[in-house]
Full PDB file with SEQRES, HELIX, SHEET, SSBOND, CRYST1, ORIGX, SCALE, CONECT and MASTER records, all heavy atoms in Angstrom:
SEQRES   1 A   37  ARG LEU ARG PRO ARG HIS LEU GLY ILE MET MET VAL THR          
SEQRES   2 A   37  GLY SER ALA VAL ALA TRP SER THR THR GLY LEU PHE THR          
SEQRES   3 A   37  ARG ALA LEU PRO LEU ASP THR GLY SER LEU LEU                  
HELIX    1 AA1 ARG A    3  TRP A   19  1                                  17    
HELIX    2 AA2 THR A   22  ALA A   28  1                                   7    
HELIX    3 AA3 THR A   33  LEU A   36  1                                   4    
CRYST1    1.000    1.000    1.000  90.00  90.00  90.00 P 1           1          
ORIGX1      1.000000  0.000000  0.000000        0.00000                         
ORIGX2      0.000000  1.000000  0.000000        0.00000                         
ORIGX3      0.000000  0.000000  1.000000        0.00000                         
SCALE1      1.000000  0.000000  0.000000        0.00000                         
SCALE2      0.000000  1.000000  0.000000        0.00000                         
SCALE3      0.000000  0.000000  1.000000        0.00000                         
ATOM      1  N   ARG A   1     -14.240 -21.508 -11.877  1.00  0.00           N  
ATOM      2  CA  ARG A   1     -12.795 -21.722 -11.834  1.00  0.00           C  
ATOM      3  C   ARG A   1     -12.017 -20.429 -12.081  1.00  0.00           C  
ATOM      4  O   ARG A   1     -10.839 -20.342 -11.779  1.00  0.00           O  
ATOM      5  CB  ARG A   1     -12.379 -22.778 -12.862  1.00  0.00           C  
ATOM      6  CG  ARG A   1     -12.639 -22.358 -14.308  1.00  0.00           C  
ATOM      7  CD  ARG A   1     -12.305 -23.501 -15.269  1.00  0.00           C  
ATOM      8  NE  ARG A   1     -12.576 -23.130 -16.650  1.00  0.00           N  
ATOM      9  CZ  ARG A   1     -11.718 -22.489 -17.434  1.00  0.00           C  
ATOM     10  NH1 ARG A   1     -10.552 -22.132 -16.948  1.00  0.00           N  
ATOM     11  NH2 ARG A   1     -12.020 -22.198 -18.679  1.00  0.00           N  
ATOM     12  N   LEU A   2     -12.662 -19.412 -12.640  1.00  0.00           N  
ATOM     13  CA  LEU A   2     -11.986 -18.141 -12.892  1.00  0.00           C  
ATOM     14  C   LEU A   2     -12.065 -17.194 -11.705  1.00  0.00           C  
ATOM     15  O   LEU A   2     -11.309 -16.246 -11.625  1.00  0.00           O  
ATOM     16  CB  LEU A   2     -12.598 -17.456 -14.124  1.00  0.00           C  
ATOM     17  CG  LEU A   2     -12.395 -18.157 -15.476  1.00  0.00           C  
ATOM     18  CD1 LEU A   2     -13.053 -17.345 -16.587  1.00  0.00           C  
ATOM     19  CD2 LEU A   2     -10.914 -18.345 -15.780  1.00  0.00           C  
ATOM     20  N   ARG A   3     -12.976 -17.439 -10.810  1.00  0.00           N  
ATOM     21  CA  ARG A   3     -13.182 -16.482  -9.726  1.00  0.00           C  
ATOM     22  C   ARG A   3     -11.977 -16.328  -8.817  1.00  0.00           C  
ATOM     23  O   ARG A   3     -11.630 -15.209  -8.457  1.00  0.00           O  
ATOM     24  CB  ARG A   3     -14.431 -16.883  -8.929  1.00  0.00           C  
ATOM     25  CG  ARG A   3     -15.716 -16.653  -9.713  1.00  0.00           C  
ATOM     26  CD  ARG A   3     -16.921 -17.184  -8.979  1.00  0.00           C  
ATOM     27  NE  ARG A   3     -18.124 -17.043  -9.792  1.00  0.00           N  
ATOM     28  CZ  ARG A   3     -19.287 -17.616  -9.511  1.00  0.00           C  
ATOM     29  NH1 ARG A   3     -19.400 -18.369  -8.435  1.00  0.00           N  
ATOM     30  NH2 ARG A   3     -20.318 -17.444 -10.300  1.00  0.00           N  
ATOM     31  N   PRO A   4     -11.309 -17.400  -8.373  1.00  0.00           N  
ATOM     32  CA  PRO A   4     -10.132 -17.210  -7.519  1.00  0.00           C  
ATOM     33  C   PRO A   4      -9.056 -16.368  -8.184  1.00  0.00           C  
ATOM     34  O   PRO A   4      -8.404 -15.555  -7.527  1.00  0.00           O  
ATOM     35  CB  PRO A   4      -9.653 -18.639  -7.252  1.00  0.00           C  
ATOM     36  CG  PRO A   4     -10.869 -19.485  -7.434  1.00  0.00           C  
ATOM     37  CD  PRO A   4     -11.644 -18.825  -8.527  1.00  0.00           C  
ATOM     38  N   ARG A   5      -8.865 -16.531  -9.504  1.00  0.00           N  
ATOM     39  CA  ARG A   5      -7.840 -15.752 -10.195  1.00  0.00           C  
ATOM     40  C   ARG A   5      -8.195 -14.277 -10.208  1.00  0.00           C  
ATOM     41  O   ARG A   5      -7.342 -13.422  -9.951  1.00  0.00           O  
ATOM     42  CB  ARG A   5      -7.670 -16.269 -11.618  1.00  0.00           C  
ATOM     43  CG  ARG A   5      -6.675 -15.449 -12.440  1.00  0.00           C  
ATOM     44  CD  ARG A   5      -6.439 -16.062 -13.808  1.00  0.00           C  
ATOM     45  NE  ARG A   5      -5.626 -15.171 -14.615  1.00  0.00           N  
ATOM     46  CZ  ARG A   5      -6.110 -14.219 -15.396  1.00  0.00           C  
ATOM     47  NH1 ARG A   5      -7.426 -14.025 -15.462  1.00  0.00           N  
ATOM     48  NH2 ARG A   5      -5.309 -13.442 -16.108  1.00  0.00           N  
ATOM     49  N   HIS A   6      -9.435 -13.960 -10.515  1.00  0.00           N  
ATOM     50  CA  HIS A   6      -9.843 -12.554 -10.543  1.00  0.00           C  
ATOM     51  C   HIS A   6      -9.755 -11.945  -9.138  1.00  0.00           C  
ATOM     52  O   HIS A   6      -9.363 -10.779  -8.993  1.00  0.00           O  
ATOM     53  CB  HIS A   6     -11.263 -12.421 -11.099  1.00  0.00           C  
ATOM     54  CG  HIS A   6     -11.326 -12.564 -12.586  1.00  0.00           C  
ATOM     55  ND1 HIS A   6     -11.289 -11.484 -13.440  1.00  0.00           N  
ATOM     56  CD2 HIS A   6     -11.415 -13.665 -13.378  1.00  0.00           C  
ATOM     57  CE1 HIS A   6     -11.359 -11.903 -14.696  1.00  0.00           C  
ATOM     58  NE2 HIS A   6     -11.431 -13.227 -14.684  1.00  0.00           N  
ATOM     59  N   LEU A   7     -10.114 -12.720  -8.126  1.00  0.00           N  
ATOM     60  CA  LEU A   7      -9.994 -12.247  -6.757  1.00  0.00           C  
ATOM     61  C   LEU A   7      -8.523 -12.000  -6.416  1.00  0.00           C  
ATOM     62  O   LEU A   7      -8.176 -11.001  -5.771  1.00  0.00           O  
ATOM     63  CB  LEU A   7     -10.594 -13.264  -5.791  1.00  0.00           C  
ATOM     64  CG  LEU A   7     -10.575 -12.901  -4.302  1.00  0.00           C  
ATOM     65  CD1 LEU A   7     -11.360 -11.621  -4.047  1.00  0.00           C  
ATOM     66  CD2 LEU A   7     -11.139 -14.053  -3.467  1.00  0.00           C  
ATOM     67  N   GLY A   8      -7.651 -12.902  -6.862  1.00  0.00           N  
ATOM     68  CA  GLY A   8      -6.222 -12.734  -6.620  1.00  0.00           C  
ATOM     69  C   GLY A   8      -5.676 -11.479  -7.285  1.00  0.00           C  
ATOM     70  O   GLY A   8      -4.865 -10.758  -6.701  1.00  0.00           O  
ATOM     71  N   ILE A   9      -6.113 -11.205  -8.521  1.00  0.00           N  
ATOM     72  CA  ILE A   9      -5.672 -10.000  -9.231  1.00  0.00           C  
ATOM     73  C   ILE A   9      -6.096  -8.753  -8.462  1.00  0.00           C  
ATOM     74  O   ILE A   9      -5.321  -7.806  -8.294  1.00  0.00           O  
ATOM     75  CB  ILE A   9      -6.240  -9.975 -10.656  1.00  0.00           C  
ATOM     76  CG1 ILE A   9      -5.564 -11.060 -11.500  1.00  0.00           C  
ATOM     77  CG2 ILE A   9      -6.055  -8.610 -11.301  1.00  0.00           C  
ATOM     78  CD1 ILE A   9      -6.163 -11.235 -12.883  1.00  0.00           C  
ATOM     79  N   MET A  10      -7.334  -8.744  -7.962  1.00  0.00           N  
ATOM     80  CA  MET A  10      -7.825  -7.595  -7.205  1.00  0.00           C  
ATOM     81  C   MET A  10      -7.021  -7.413  -5.913  1.00  0.00           C  
ATOM     82  O   MET A  10      -6.687  -6.288  -5.523  1.00  0.00           O  
ATOM     83  CB  MET A  10      -9.311  -7.773  -6.894  1.00  0.00           C  
ATOM     84  CG  MET A  10     -10.217  -7.718  -8.107  1.00  0.00           C  
ATOM     85  SD  MET A  10     -11.935  -8.144  -7.711  1.00  0.00           S  
ATOM     86  CE  MET A  10     -12.346  -6.830  -6.571  1.00  0.00           C  
ATOM     87  N   MET A  11      -6.699  -8.534  -5.242  1.00  0.00           N  
ATOM     88  CA  MET A  11      -5.962  -8.437  -3.981  1.00  0.00           C  
ATOM     89  C   MET A  11      -4.539  -7.928  -4.185  1.00  0.00           C  
ATOM     90  O   MET A  11      -4.074  -7.050  -3.450  1.00  0.00           O  
ATOM     91  CB  MET A  11      -5.929  -9.815  -3.293  1.00  0.00           C  
ATOM     92  CG  MET A  11      -7.246 -10.230  -2.685  1.00  0.00           C  
ATOM     93  SD  MET A  11      -7.149 -11.874  -1.936  1.00  0.00           S  
ATOM     94  CE  MET A  11      -8.709 -11.931  -1.057  1.00  0.00           C  
ATOM     95  N   VAL A  12      -3.840  -8.459  -5.193  1.00  0.00           N  
ATOM     96  CA  VAL A  12      -2.465  -8.026  -5.444  1.00  0.00           C  
ATOM     97  C   VAL A  12      -2.446  -6.572  -5.907  1.00  0.00           C  
ATOM     98  O   VAL A  12      -1.543  -5.800  -5.544  1.00  0.00           O  
ATOM     99  CB  VAL A  12      -1.781  -8.956  -6.472  1.00  0.00           C  
ATOM    100  CG1 VAL A  12      -0.397  -8.428  -6.830  1.00  0.00           C  
ATOM    101  CG2 VAL A  12      -1.661 -10.364  -5.910  1.00  0.00           C  
ATOM    102  N   THR A  13      -3.439  -6.181  -6.698  1.00  0.00           N  
ATOM    103  CA  THR A  13      -3.548  -4.776  -7.095  1.00  0.00           C  
ATOM    104  C   THR A  13      -3.749  -3.891  -5.871  1.00  0.00           C  
ATOM    105  O   THR A  13      -3.132  -2.825  -5.742  1.00  0.00           O  
ATOM    106  CB  THR A  13      -4.707  -4.576  -8.078  1.00  0.00           C  
ATOM    107  OG1 THR A  13      -4.508  -5.399  -9.229  1.00  0.00           O  
ATOM    108  CG2 THR A  13      -4.803  -3.123  -8.525  1.00  0.00           C  
ATOM    109  N   GLY A  14      -4.604  -4.335  -4.952  1.00  0.00           N  
ATOM    110  CA  GLY A  14      -4.826  -3.585  -3.716  1.00  0.00           C  
ATOM    111  C   GLY A  14      -3.560  -3.469  -2.892  1.00  0.00           C  
ATOM    112  O   GLY A  14      -3.287  -2.421  -2.293  1.00  0.00           O  
ATOM    113  N   SER A  15      -2.757  -4.530  -2.863  1.00  0.00           N  
ATOM    114  CA  SER A  15      -1.510  -4.481  -2.098  1.00  0.00           C  
ATOM    115  C   SER A  15      -0.529  -3.493  -2.723  1.00  0.00           C  
ATOM    116  O   SER A  15       0.166  -2.761  -2.014  1.00  0.00           O  
ATOM    117  CB  SER A  15      -0.880  -5.872  -2.018  1.00  0.00           C  
ATOM    118  OG  SER A  15      -0.315  -6.265  -3.257  1.00  0.00           O  
ATOM    119  N   ALA A  16      -0.476  -3.455  -4.063  1.00  0.00           N  
ATOM    120  CA  ALA A  16       0.414  -2.502  -4.742  1.00  0.00           C  
ATOM    121  C   ALA A  16      -0.004  -1.065  -4.447  1.00  0.00           C  
ATOM    122  O   ALA A  16       0.839  -0.194  -4.214  1.00  0.00           O  
ATOM    123  CB  ALA A  16       0.417  -2.766  -6.245  1.00  0.00           C  
ATOM    124  N   VAL A  17      -1.314  -0.820  -4.435  1.00  0.00           N  
ATOM    125  CA  VAL A  17      -1.815   0.520  -4.129  1.00  0.00           C  
ATOM    126  C   VAL A  17      -1.480   0.889  -2.684  1.00  0.00           C  
ATOM    127  O   VAL A  17      -1.034   2.006  -2.395  1.00  0.00           O  
ATOM    128  CB  VAL A  17      -3.331   0.602  -4.374  1.00  0.00           C  
ATOM    129  CG1 VAL A  17      -3.885   1.945  -3.898  1.00  0.00           C  
ATOM    130  CG2 VAL A  17      -3.640   0.405  -5.858  1.00  0.00           C  
ATOM    131  N   ALA A  18      -1.679  -0.062  -1.752  1.00  0.00           N  
ATOM    132  CA  ALA A  18      -1.390   0.203  -0.342  1.00  0.00           C  
ATOM    133  C   ALA A  18       0.092   0.504  -0.138  1.00  0.00           C  
ATOM    134  O   ALA A  18       0.465   1.449   0.569  1.00  0.00           O  
ATOM    135  CB  ALA A  18      -1.816  -0.988   0.516  1.00  0.00           C  
ATOM    136  N   TRP A  19       0.966  -0.282  -0.746  1.00  0.00           N  
ATOM    137  CA  TRP A  19       2.408  -0.071  -0.581  1.00  0.00           C  
ATOM    138  C   TRP A  19       2.879   1.213  -1.258  1.00  0.00           C  
ATOM    139  O   TRP A  19       3.864   1.813  -0.827  1.00  0.00           O  
ATOM    140  CB  TRP A  19       3.169  -1.273  -1.131  1.00  0.00           C  
ATOM    141  CG  TRP A  19       3.137  -2.444  -0.197  1.00  0.00           C  
ATOM    142  CD1 TRP A  19       2.912  -2.418   1.142  1.00  0.00           C  
ATOM    143  CD2 TRP A  19       3.341  -3.819  -0.526  1.00  0.00           C  
ATOM    144  NE1 TRP A  19       2.966  -3.694   1.670  1.00  0.00           N  
ATOM    145  CE2 TRP A  19       3.226  -4.577   0.663  1.00  0.00           C  
ATOM    146  CE3 TRP A  19       3.614  -4.507  -1.711  1.00  0.00           C  
ATOM    147  CZ2 TRP A  19       3.377  -5.957   0.711  1.00  0.00           C  
ATOM    148  CZ3 TRP A  19       3.759  -5.880  -1.676  1.00  0.00           C  
ATOM    149  CH2 TRP A  19       3.647  -6.597  -0.476  1.00  0.00           C  
ATOM    150  N   SER A  20       2.190   1.638  -2.308  1.00  0.00           N  
ATOM    151  CA  SER A  20       2.620   2.833  -3.028  1.00  0.00           C  
ATOM    152  C   SER A  20       2.366   4.114  -2.242  1.00  0.00           C  
ATOM    153  O   SER A  20       2.827   5.182  -2.641  1.00  0.00           O  
ATOM    154  CB  SER A  20       1.910   2.918  -4.385  1.00  0.00           C  
ATOM    155  OG  SER A  20       0.528   3.229  -4.228  1.00  0.00           O  
ATOM    156  N   THR A  21       1.626   4.024  -1.131  1.00  0.00           N  
ATOM    157  CA  THR A  21       1.322   5.225  -0.337  1.00  0.00           C  
ATOM    158  C   THR A  21       2.425   5.571   0.662  1.00  0.00           C  
ATOM    159  O   THR A  21       2.289   6.556   1.397  1.00  0.00           O  
ATOM    160  CB  THR A  21       0.004   5.040   0.445  1.00  0.00           C  
ATOM    161  OG1 THR A  21       0.135   3.915   1.340  1.00  0.00           O  
ATOM    162  CG2 THR A  21      -1.164   4.792  -0.493  1.00  0.00           C  
ATOM    163  N   THR A  22       3.512   4.801   0.692  1.00  0.00           N  
ATOM    164  CA  THR A  22       4.571   5.058   1.675  1.00  0.00           C  
ATOM    165  C   THR A  22       5.115   6.479   1.551  1.00  0.00           C  
ATOM    166  O   THR A  22       5.252   7.202   2.540  1.00  0.00           O  
ATOM    167  CB  THR A  22       5.719   4.052   1.501  1.00  0.00           C  
ATOM    168  OG1 THR A  22       5.201   2.724   1.532  1.00  0.00           O  
ATOM    169  CG2 THR A  22       6.749   4.207   2.611  1.00  0.00           C  
ATOM    170  N   GLY A  23       5.436   6.887   0.331  1.00  0.00           N  
ATOM    171  CA  GLY A  23       5.954   8.236   0.124  1.00  0.00           C  
ATOM    172  C   GLY A  23       4.957   9.305   0.510  1.00  0.00           C  
ATOM    173  O   GLY A  23       5.331  10.354   1.047  1.00  0.00           O  
ATOM    174  N   LEU A  24       3.681   9.040   0.248  1.00  0.00           N  
ATOM    175  CA  LEU A  24       2.639  10.011   0.596  1.00  0.00           C  
ATOM    176  C   LEU A  24       2.575  10.226   2.105  1.00  0.00           C  
ATOM    177  O   LEU A  24       2.505  11.360   2.590  1.00  0.00           O  
ATOM    178  CB  LEU A  24       1.292   9.518   0.070  1.00  0.00           C  
ATOM    179  CG  LEU A  24       0.081  10.424   0.277  1.00  0.00           C  
ATOM    180  CD1 LEU A  24       0.278  11.754  -0.416  1.00  0.00           C  
ATOM    181  CD2 LEU A  24      -1.185   9.744  -0.233  1.00  0.00           C  
ATOM    182  N   PHE A  25       2.613   9.132   2.874  1.00  0.00           N  
ATOM    183  CA  PHE A  25       2.564   9.243   4.333  1.00  0.00           C  
ATOM    184  C   PHE A  25       3.804   9.943   4.887  1.00  0.00           C  
ATOM    185  O   PHE A  25       3.710  10.766   5.804  1.00  0.00           O  
ATOM    186  CB  PHE A  25       2.410   7.866   4.971  1.00  0.00           C  
ATOM    187  CG  PHE A  25       1.002   7.342   4.977  1.00  0.00           C  
ATOM    188  CD1 PHE A  25       0.632   6.282   4.165  1.00  0.00           C  
ATOM    189  CD2 PHE A  25       0.032   7.911   5.791  1.00  0.00           C  
ATOM    190  CE1 PHE A  25      -0.671   5.791   4.176  1.00  0.00           C  
ATOM    191  CE2 PHE A  25      -1.262   7.446   5.813  1.00  0.00           C  
ATOM    192  CZ  PHE A  25      -1.624   6.378   4.999  1.00  0.00           C  
ATOM    193  N   THR A  26       4.975   9.613   4.340  1.00  0.00           N  
ATOM    194  CA  THR A  26       6.197  10.225   4.861  1.00  0.00           C  
ATOM    195  C   THR A  26       6.243  11.720   4.573  1.00  0.00           C  
ATOM    196  O   THR A  26       6.839  12.495   5.330  1.00  0.00           O  
ATOM    197  CB  THR A  26       7.446   9.554   4.263  1.00  0.00           C  
ATOM    198  OG1 THR A  26       7.384   9.595   2.839  1.00  0.00           O  
ATOM    199  CG2 THR A  26       7.544   8.109   4.719  1.00  0.00           C  
ATOM    200  N   ARG A  27       5.636  12.137   3.472  1.00  0.00           N  
ATOM    201  CA  ARG A  27       5.582  13.568   3.172  1.00  0.00           C  
ATOM    202  C   ARG A  27       4.527  14.274   4.028  1.00  0.00           C  
ATOM    203  O   ARG A  27       4.691  15.432   4.418  1.00  0.00           O  
ATOM    204  CB  ARG A  27       5.250  13.782   1.696  1.00  0.00           C  
ATOM    205  CG  ARG A  27       6.349  13.415   0.730  1.00  0.00           C  
ATOM    206  CD  ARG A  27       7.538  14.350   0.840  1.00  0.00           C  
ATOM    207  NE  ARG A  27       8.506  14.111  -0.225  1.00  0.00           N  
ATOM    208  CZ  ARG A  27       9.488  13.231  -0.167  1.00  0.00           C  
ATOM    209  NH1 ARG A  27       9.629  12.491   0.934  1.00  0.00           N  
ATOM    210  NH2 ARG A  27      10.336  13.084  -1.169  1.00  0.00           N  
ATOM    211  N   ALA A  28       3.428  13.579   4.339  1.00  0.00           N  
ATOM    212  CA  ALA A  28       2.304  14.222   5.034  1.00  0.00           C  
ATOM    213  C   ALA A  28       2.533  14.351   6.538  1.00  0.00           C  
ATOM    214  O   ALA A  28       1.953  15.241   7.168  1.00  0.00           O  
ATOM    215  CB  ALA A  28       1.022  13.436   4.783  1.00  0.00           C  
ATOM    216  N   LEU A  29       3.361  13.486   7.116  1.00  0.00           N  
ATOM    217  CA  LEU A  29       3.554  13.486   8.568  1.00  0.00           C  
ATOM    218  C   LEU A  29       4.771  14.324   8.943  1.00  0.00           C  
ATOM    219  O   LEU A  29       5.910  13.959   8.618  1.00  0.00           O  
ATOM    220  CB  LEU A  29       3.725  12.042   9.070  1.00  0.00           C  
ATOM    221  CG  LEU A  29       2.442  11.217   9.103  1.00  0.00           C  
ATOM    222  CD1 LEU A  29       2.756   9.730   9.161  1.00  0.00           C  
ATOM    223  CD2 LEU A  29       1.584  11.629  10.301  1.00  0.00           C  
ATOM    224  N   PRO A  30       4.570  15.445   9.649  1.00  0.00           N  
ATOM    225  CA  PRO A  30       5.678  16.336  10.006  1.00  0.00           C  
ATOM    226  C   PRO A  30       6.416  15.889  11.264  1.00  0.00           C  
ATOM    227  O   PRO A  30       6.544  16.638  12.238  1.00  0.00           O  
ATOM    228  CB  PRO A  30       4.971  17.675  10.214  1.00  0.00           C  
ATOM    229  CG  PRO A  30       3.631  17.305  10.747  1.00  0.00           C  
ATOM    230  CD  PRO A  30       3.266  15.996  10.076  1.00  0.00           C  
ATOM    231  N   LEU A  31       6.901  14.654  11.258  1.00  0.00           N  
ATOM    232  CA  LEU A  31       7.642  14.112  12.399  1.00  0.00           C  
ATOM    233  C   LEU A  31       9.056  13.780  11.957  1.00  0.00           C  
ATOM    234  O   LEU A  31       9.322  13.600  10.758  1.00  0.00           O  
ATOM    235  CB  LEU A  31       6.963  12.847  12.933  1.00  0.00           C  
ATOM    236  CG  LEU A  31       5.522  12.972  13.436  1.00  0.00           C  
ATOM    237  CD1 LEU A  31       5.005  11.604  13.846  1.00  0.00           C  
ATOM    238  CD2 LEU A  31       5.438  13.941  14.602  1.00  0.00           C  
ATOM    239  N   ASP A  32       9.968  13.675  12.926  1.00  0.00           N  
ATOM    240  CA  ASP A  32      11.305  13.237  12.580  1.00  0.00           C  
ATOM    241  C   ASP A  32      11.266  11.780  12.139  1.00  0.00           C  
ATOM    242  O   ASP A  32      10.325  11.032  12.440  1.00  0.00           O  
ATOM    243  CB  ASP A  32      12.239  13.408  13.780  1.00  0.00           C  
ATOM    244  CG  ASP A  32      11.819  12.556  14.955  1.00  0.00           C  
ATOM    245  OD1 ASP A  32      10.921  13.003  15.715  1.00  0.00           O  
ATOM    246  OD2 ASP A  32      12.340  11.444  15.099  1.00  0.00           O  
ATOM    247  N   THR A  33      12.288  11.384  11.403  1.00  0.00           N  
ATOM    248  CA  THR A  33      12.312  10.046  10.811  1.00  0.00           C  
ATOM    249  C   THR A  33      12.255   8.952  11.875  1.00  0.00           C  
ATOM    250  O   THR A  33      11.564   7.937  11.711  1.00  0.00           O  
ATOM    251  CB  THR A  33      13.577   9.868   9.957  1.00  0.00           C  
ATOM    252  OG1 THR A  33      13.632  10.900   8.973  1.00  0.00           O  
ATOM    253  CG2 THR A  33      13.568   8.518   9.255  1.00  0.00           C  
ATOM    254  N   GLY A  34      12.972   9.147  13.004  1.00  0.00           N  
ATOM    255  CA  GLY A  34      12.956   8.143  14.062  1.00  0.00           C  
ATOM    256  C   GLY A  34      11.576   7.926  14.635  1.00  0.00           C  
ATOM    257  O   GLY A  34      11.128   6.782  14.795  1.00  0.00           O  
ATOM    258  N   SER A  35      10.870   9.012  14.944  1.00  0.00           N  
ATOM    259  CA  SER A  35       9.513   8.896  15.496  1.00  0.00           C  
ATOM    260  C   SER A  35       8.568   8.253  14.491  1.00  0.00           C  
ATOM    261  O   SER A  35       7.706   7.436  14.846  1.00  0.00           O  
ATOM    262  CB  SER A  35       8.995  10.285  15.893  1.00  0.00           C  
ATOM    263  OG  SER A  35       9.820  10.865  16.880  1.00  0.00           O  
ATOM    264  N   LEU A  36       8.723   8.622  13.227  1.00  0.00           N  
ATOM    265  CA  LEU A  36       7.875   8.052  12.177  1.00  0.00           C  
ATOM    266  C   LEU A  36       8.066   6.535  12.094  1.00  0.00           C  
ATOM    267  O   LEU A  36       7.094   5.778  12.004  1.00  0.00           O  
ATOM    268  CB  LEU A  36       8.218   8.706  10.843  1.00  0.00           C  
ATOM    269  CG  LEU A  36       7.319   8.379   9.651  1.00  0.00           C  
ATOM    270  CD1 LEU A  36       5.913   8.893   9.875  1.00  0.00           C  
ATOM    271  CD2 LEU A  36       7.903   8.975   8.375  1.00  0.00           C  
ATOM    272  N   LEU A  37       9.307   6.093  12.180  1.00  0.00           N  
ATOM    273  CA  LEU A  37       9.596   4.662  12.120  1.00  0.00           C  
ATOM    274  C   LEU A  37       9.065   3.929  13.342  1.00  0.00           C  
ATOM    275  O   LEU A  37       8.550   2.808  13.232  1.00  0.00           O  
ATOM    276  CB  LEU A  37      11.104   4.451  11.996  1.00  0.00           C  
ATOM    277  CG  LEU A  37      11.700   4.653  10.597  1.00  0.00           C  
ATOM    278  CD1 LEU A  37      13.205   4.827  10.676  1.00  0.00           C  
ATOM    279  CD2 LEU A  37      11.343   3.468   9.701  1.00  0.00           C  
TER     280      LEU A  37                                                      
MASTER        0    0    0    3    0    0    0    6  279    1    0    3          
END                                                                             
């Protein structure tokens, strides 16, 4: 009964990590804002 909760914690943590890379990508890509979008 605890496994779904632990899996959920791992998934939401993964989503936070994935979303936190937005600034990293925008800094790393030398394109204009329109092309990037």
